[in-house]
Structure formats: C-alpha cells, structure tokens
C-alpha atoms as a PDB file:
ATOM      1  CA  MET A   1      -1.553   9.661  21.070  1.00  0.00           C
ATOM      2  CA  THR A   2      -3.123  10.998  17.899  1.00  0.00           C
ATOM      3  CA  GLN A   3      -6.870  11.353  17.539  1.00  0.00           C
ATOM      4  CA  ASP A   4      -6.898   8.626  14.837  1.00  0.00           C
ATOM      5  CA  ASN A   5      -5.218   6.189  17.239  1.00  0.00           C
ATOM      6  CA  LYS A   6      -7.729   7.079  19.964  1.00  0.00           C
ATOM      7  CA  ASP A   7     -10.610   6.586  17.522  1.00  0.00           C
ATOM      8  CA  LYS A   8      -9.213   3.195  16.477  1.00  0.00           C
ATOM      9  CA  GLN A   9      -8.661   2.116  20.101  1.00  0.00           C
ATOM     10  CA  ASP A  10     -12.178   3.142  21.160  1.00  0.00           C
ATOM     11  CA  PHE A  11     -13.779   1.570  18.085  1.00  0.00           C
ATOM     12  CA  LEU A  12     -11.870  -1.713  18.489  1.00  0.00           C
ATOM     13  CA  SER A  13     -12.618  -1.931  22.217  1.00  0.00           C
ATOM     14  CA  ASN A  14     -16.317  -1.365  21.543  1.00  0.00           C
ATOM     15  CA  MET A  15     -16.412  -3.977  18.764  1.00  0.00           C
ATOM     16  CA  LEU A  16     -14.496  -6.546  20.861  1.00  0.00           C
ATOM     17  CA  SER A  17     -17.049  -6.199  23.646  1.00  0.00           C
ATOM     18  CA  LYS A  18     -19.665  -7.463  21.150  1.00  0.00           C
ATOM     19  CA  GLY A  19     -17.719 -10.390  19.637  1.00  0.00           C
ATOM     20  CA  ASP A  20     -15.083 -11.256  17.050  1.00  0.00           C
ATOM     21  CA  VAL A  21     -13.414  -8.430  15.134  1.00  0.00           C
ATOM     22  CA  MET A  22     -11.404  -8.349  11.909  1.00  0.00           C
ATOM     23  CA  VAL A  23      -8.490  -5.909  11.880  1.00  0.00           C
ATOM     24  CA  CYS A  24      -6.942  -4.920   8.529  1.00  0.00           C
ATOM     25  CA  LEU A  25      -3.407  -3.624   8.686  1.00  0.00           C
ATOM     26  CA  ASP A  26      -0.296  -2.907   6.682  1.00  0.00           C
ATOM     27  CA  ALA A  27       2.120  -5.506   8.077  1.00  0.00           C
ATOM     28  CA  ARG A  28       5.021  -3.899   6.194  1.00  0.00           C
ATOM     29  CA  GLN A  29       5.279  -1.027   8.639  1.00  0.00           C
ATOM     30  CA  PRO A  30       8.471  -1.268  10.713  1.00  0.00           C
ATOM     31  CA  ASP A  31       6.815  -1.406  14.161  1.00  0.00           C
ATOM     32  CA  VAL A  32       4.467  -4.277  13.225  1.00  0.00           C
ATOM     33  CA  GLU A  33       5.484  -7.642  14.666  1.00  0.00           C
ATOM     34  CA  VAL A  34       3.843 -10.602  12.925  1.00  0.00           C
ATOM     35  CA  PRO A  35       5.292 -13.860  11.525  1.00  0.00           C
ATOM     36  CA  LYS A  36       7.865 -13.329   8.787  1.00  0.00           C
ATOM     37  CA  ALA A  37       5.581 -14.951   6.174  1.00  0.00           C
ATOM     38  CA  HIS A  38       3.037 -12.126   6.657  1.00  0.00           C
ATOM     39  CA  LYS A  39       5.453  -9.203   7.021  1.00  0.00           C
ATOM     40  CA  THR A  40       5.172  -8.174   3.350  1.00  0.00           C
ATOM     41  CA  ASN A  41       1.348  -8.064   3.315  1.00  0.00           C
ATOM     42  CA  PRO A  42      -0.192  -4.567   3.042  1.00  0.00           C
ATOM     43  CA  MET A  43      -3.685  -6.093   3.531  1.00  0.00           C
ATOM     44  CA  LEU A  44      -3.173  -8.495   6.435  1.00  0.00           C
ATOM     45  CA  ASN A  45      -6.486  -9.402   8.087  1.00  0.00           C
ATOM     46  CA  LEU A  46      -6.407 -10.684  11.653  1.00  0.00           C
ATOM     47  CA  VAL A  47      -9.373 -11.957  13.649  1.00  0.00           C
ATOM     48  CA  LEU A  48      -9.337 -10.829  17.280  1.00  0.00           C
ATOM     49  CA  SER A  49     -11.536 -11.939  20.141  1.00  0.00           C
ATOM     50  CA  LEU A  50     -11.656 -11.469  23.892  1.00  0.00           C
ATOM     51  CA  ASN A  51     -12.436 -15.193  24.092  1.00  0.00           C
ATOM     52  CA  PHE A  52      -9.000 -16.261  22.844  1.00  0.00           C
ATOM     53  CA  ARG A  53      -7.053 -18.622  25.093  1.00  0.00           C
ATOM     54  CA  ARG A  54      -4.228 -16.100  25.287  1.00  0.00           C
ATOM     55  CA  PRO A  55      -5.345 -12.578  26.214  1.00  0.00           C
ATOM     56  CA  ILE A  56      -4.895  -9.610  23.917  1.00  0.00           C
ATOM     57  CA  ASP A  57      -4.319  -6.079  25.141  1.00  0.00           C
ATOM     58  CA  VAL A  58      -5.742  -3.038  23.382  1.00  0.00           C
ATOM     59  CA  LEU A  59      -3.628  -0.131  24.609  1.00  0.00           C
ATOM     60  CA  GLU A  60      -3.317   3.515  23.575  1.00  0.00           C
ATOM     61  CA  ASP A  61      -0.709   2.849  20.917  1.00  0.00           C
ATOM     62  CA  GLY A  62      -1.759  -0.545  19.589  1.00  0.00           C
ATOM     63  CA  ILE A  63      -2.726  -4.173  20.010  1.00  0.00           C
ATOM     64  CA  TYR A  64      -0.492  -6.624  21.865  1.00  0.00           C
ATOM     65  CA  GLY A  65      -0.832 -10.360  22.304  1.00  0.00           C
ATOM     66  CA  SER A  66       0.017 -13.848  21.142  1.00  0.00           C
ATOM     67  CA  LEU A  67      -1.990 -14.794  18.078  1.00  0.00           C
ATOM     68  CA  SER A  68      -2.111 -18.181  16.404  1.00  0.00           C
ATOM     69  CA  PHE A  69      -0.822 -18.566  12.841  1.00  0.00           C
ATOM     70  CA  GLY A  70      -1.169 -22.063  11.429  1.00  0.00           C
ATOM     71  CA  GLY A  71      -1.693 -23.397  14.938  1.00  0.00           C
ATOM     72  CA  ARG A  72       1.511 -21.820  16.253  1.00  0.00           C
ATOM     73  CA  PRO A  73       1.445 -18.867  18.651  1.00  0.00           C
ATOM     74  CA  HIS A  74       3.362 -15.740  17.741  1.00  0.00           C
ATOM     75  CA  LYS A  75       3.843 -12.622  19.850  1.00  0.00           C
ATOM     76  CA  CYS A  76       2.311  -9.778  17.858  1.00  0.00           C
ATOM     77  CA  VAL A  77       2.552  -6.029  18.133  1.00  0.00           C
ATOM     78  CA  ILE A  78       0.147  -4.065  15.945  1.00  0.00           C
ATOM     79  CA  PRO A  79       0.467  -0.291  16.278  1.00  0.00           C
ATOM     80  CA  PHE A  80      -2.698   1.612  15.435  1.00  0.00           C
ATOM     81  CA  THR A  81      -0.738   3.552  12.809  1.00  0.00           C
ATOM     82  CA  ALA A  82      -0.685   0.327  10.739  1.00  0.00           C
ATOM     83  CA  VAL A  83      -4.429  -0.371  11.156  1.00  0.00           C
ATOM     84  CA  TRP A  84      -6.591   0.922   8.319  1.00  0.00           C
ATOM     85  CA  ALA A  85      -9.905  -0.910   8.887  1.00  0.00           C
ATOM     86  CA  ILE A  86     -11.777  -2.635  11.689  1.00  0.00           C
ATOM     87  CA  TYR A  87     -14.987  -4.553  11.055  1.00  0.00           C
ATOM     88  CA  GLU A  88     -17.255  -7.326  12.280  1.00  0.00           C
ATOM     89  CA  PRO A  89     -16.507 -10.422  10.142  1.00  0.00           C
ATOM     90  CA  ASN A  90     -20.080 -11.721   9.788  1.00  0.00           C
ATOM     91  CA  THR A  91     -21.786  -8.475   8.785  1.00  0.00           C
ATOM     92  CA  GLN A  92     -18.692  -6.660   7.467  1.00  0.00           C
ATOM     93  CA  LYS A  93     -19.843  -3.486   9.178  1.00  0.00           C
ATOM     94  CA  GLY A  94     -17.154  -1.321  10.684  1.00  0.00           C
ATOM     95  CA  GLN A  95     -14.826   1.568   9.921  1.00  0.00           C
ATOM     96  CA  VAL A  96     -12.187   2.317   7.297  1.00  0.00           C
ATOM     97  CA  TRP A  97      -9.596   5.019   7.933  1.00  0.00           C
ATOM     98  CA  GLU A  98      -8.803   6.144   4.380  1.00  0.00           C
ATOM     99  CA  ALA A  99      -5.733   8.143   5.393  1.00  0.00           C
ATOM    100  CA  SER A 100      -4.159   4.944   6.773  1.00  0.00           C
ATOM    101  CA  ILE A 101      -4.771   2.769   3.683  1.00  0.00           C
ATOM    102  CA  PRO A 102      -1.508   1.975   1.872  1.00  0.00           C
ATOM    103  CA  GLU A 103      -1.460   3.712  -1.505  1.00  0.00           C
ATOM    104  CA  ASP A 104      -0.045   0.689  -3.333  1.00  0.00           C
ATOM    105  CA  ILE A 105      -2.925  -1.712  -2.618  1.00  0.00           C
ATOM    106  CA  ASP A 106      -4.303  -3.262  -5.808  1.00  0.00           C
ATOM    107  CA  TRP A 107      -8.069  -3.292  -5.158  1.00  0.00           C
ATOM    108  CA  GLY A 108      -8.632  -5.099  -8.445  1.00  0.00           C
ATOM    109  CA  ASP A 109      -6.728  -8.184  -7.230  1.00  0.00           C
ATOM    110  CA  PRO A 110      -9.394 -10.836  -6.551  1.00  0.00           C
ATOM    111  CA  ALA A 111      -6.922 -12.740  -4.376  1.00  0.00           C
ATOM    112  CA  GLY A 112      -6.688  -9.726  -2.078  1.00  0.00           C
ATOM    113  CA  ALA A 113      -7.828 -10.634   1.410  1.00  0.00           C
ATOM    114  CA  ALA A 114      -9.578  -7.323   1.901  1.00  0.00           C
ATOM    115  CA  SER A 115     -11.249  -7.019  -1.492  1.00  0.00           C
ATOM    116  CA  SER A 116     -14.685  -7.074   0.129  1.00  0.00           C
ATOM    117  CA  ILE A 117     -14.147  -3.778   1.971  1.00  0.00           C
ATOM    118  CA  ILE A 118     -13.183  -1.410  -0.825  1.00  0.00           C
ATOM    119  CA  PRO A 119     -13.922   2.135   0.318  1.00  0.00           C
ATOM    120  CA  SER A 120     -16.392   4.027  -1.813  1.00  0.00           C
ATOM    121  CA  GLY A 121     -16.700   7.735  -2.474  1.00  0.00           C
ATOM    122  CA  LYS A 122     -15.354  10.631  -0.507  1.00  0.00           C
ATOM    123  CA  THR A 123     -16.280  11.657   2.985  1.00  0.00           C
ATOM    124  CA  SER A 124     -16.304  15.058   4.578  1.00  0.00           C
ATOM    125  CA  GLU A 125     -15.867  13.714   8.101  1.00  0.00           C
ATOM    126  CA  LYS A 126     -13.048  15.213  10.121  1.00  0.00           C
ATOM    127  CA  HIS A 127     -11.151  11.935  10.550  1.00  0.00           C
ATOM    128  CA  SER A 128     -12.034  10.361   7.187  1.00  0.00           C
ATOM    129  CA  LEU A 129     -13.935   7.498   8.745  1.00  0.00           C
ATOM    130  CA  LYS A 130     -16.214   5.378   6.601  1.00  0.00           C
ATOM    131  CA  THR A 131     -18.830   2.835   7.425  1.00  0.00           C
ATOM    132  CA  VAL A 132     -18.122  -0.501   5.833  1.00  0.00           C
ATOM    133  CA  ALA A 133     -21.292  -2.221   4.771  1.00  0.00           C
ATOM    134  CA  GLY A 134     -21.601  -5.734   3.443  1.00  0.00           C
ATOM    135  CA  SER A 135     -24.310  -8.261   2.928  1.00  0.00           C
ATOM    136  CA  GLY A 136     -22.358 -10.994   4.694  1.00  0.00           C
ATOM    137  CA  LYS A 137     -23.187 -13.237   1.723  1.00  0.00           C
ATOM    138  CA  SER A 138     -20.642 -14.954  -0.443  1.00  0.00           C
ATOM    139  CA  ASN A 139     -19.816 -13.412  -3.811  1.00  0.00           C
ATOM    140  CA  LYS A 140     -19.600 -16.916  -5.266  1.00  0.00           C
ATOM    141  CA  PRO A 141     -22.229 -17.476  -7.954  1.00  0.00           C
ATOM    142  CA  ARG A 142     -24.727 -20.218  -7.233  1.00  0.00           C
ATOM    143  CA  ARG A 143     -24.669 -23.102  -9.657  1.00  0.00           C
ATOM    144  CA  ASP A 144     -27.869 -23.712 -11.515  1.00  0.00           C
ATOM    145  CA  ARG A 145     -28.624 -27.397 -11.107  1.00  0.00           C
ATOM    146  CA  SER A 146     -31.881 -27.324 -13.072  1.00  0.00           C
ATOM    147  CA  HIS A 147     -30.250 -29.299 -15.865  1.00  0.00           C
ATOM    148  CA  LEU A 148     -29.839 -32.369 -13.663  1.00  0.00           C
ATOM    149  CA  ARG A 149     -32.381 -35.186 -13.987  1.00  0.00           C
ATOM    150  CA  VAL A 150     -33.039 -38.385 -12.157  1.00  0.00           C
ATOM    151  CA  ILE A 151     -32.295 -41.352 -14.409  1.00  0.00           C
ATOM    152  CA  LYS A 152     -33.859 -44.694 -13.544  1.00  0.00           C
END
C-alpha cells in the first residue's frame, strides 16, 4: 500500500468515527465500481456513514459496500487511488490530495458537484495534503425583500 492510500484510509476512518463524510473521487478509473450513470464523472461525491443500514468497509486499498443511488442499492468498490478529497459535509473541512485530482476537471463549471472545494495555492507538505475550509453557508445570494409592502 502506498503512503497516500494509508493517509486516505486513516483520514477517512478518523472522519467516519465522528459522523458523515463526503468522499470525492474520479469514477472514471477502471477499478471503480459505481452505477453506470456515474461512471463518467471525474468529480463524483459520495456521502458515507457508519450508520448506514448496510455496512461499509474501509480497507487498506479502498472502500467497499452497498451504497444507495436513487433508492436502489449498488455494490461499490472505491479504490483509494481514485479518491482525491475527503471532507465533512457540514463544515467542508477535510483534506484534498492534489496529486490525485484529475487534470481535466473544469473548476469553473458551476454545475460541478465539487466546486466548493477548489484547492488554493501550493503546499510544501510531503504528501501534498491540503486543508479544505468552508463556511458551511450557501453561496446563494439572499433576496432583498425590502421592496415588499403590506397592502390593505
């Protein structure tokens, strides 16, 4: 097992012990097993939890388990080589492994599922890990309703 895979396994196990976890992966990689509709997604985000009805296994080489897609279970295999970010969905704090990010991701695409975790700057860390920070607030602008009046 590579050091990156060990780092990802340890980080995911630690995060799962605290609650729900979002895993970002490149589903196009050949060893990834997800539903056919998601197989072409380089930014597939999956929520994992130890509280799922069907157990998930976090092993040395990847994540194994039946996950629900549209209410239907599907046996999934997610090798750690395909995982490029792991974070806590509510706070969006976690890790990004820059070396694992697919080069062809269009970060400017607002429809991109992972647009909220764009890596910033360079890091000098040995394994190119980054802390993902987010406010947990929606990027949706609030509508100003000051123009509304009560009419009698």
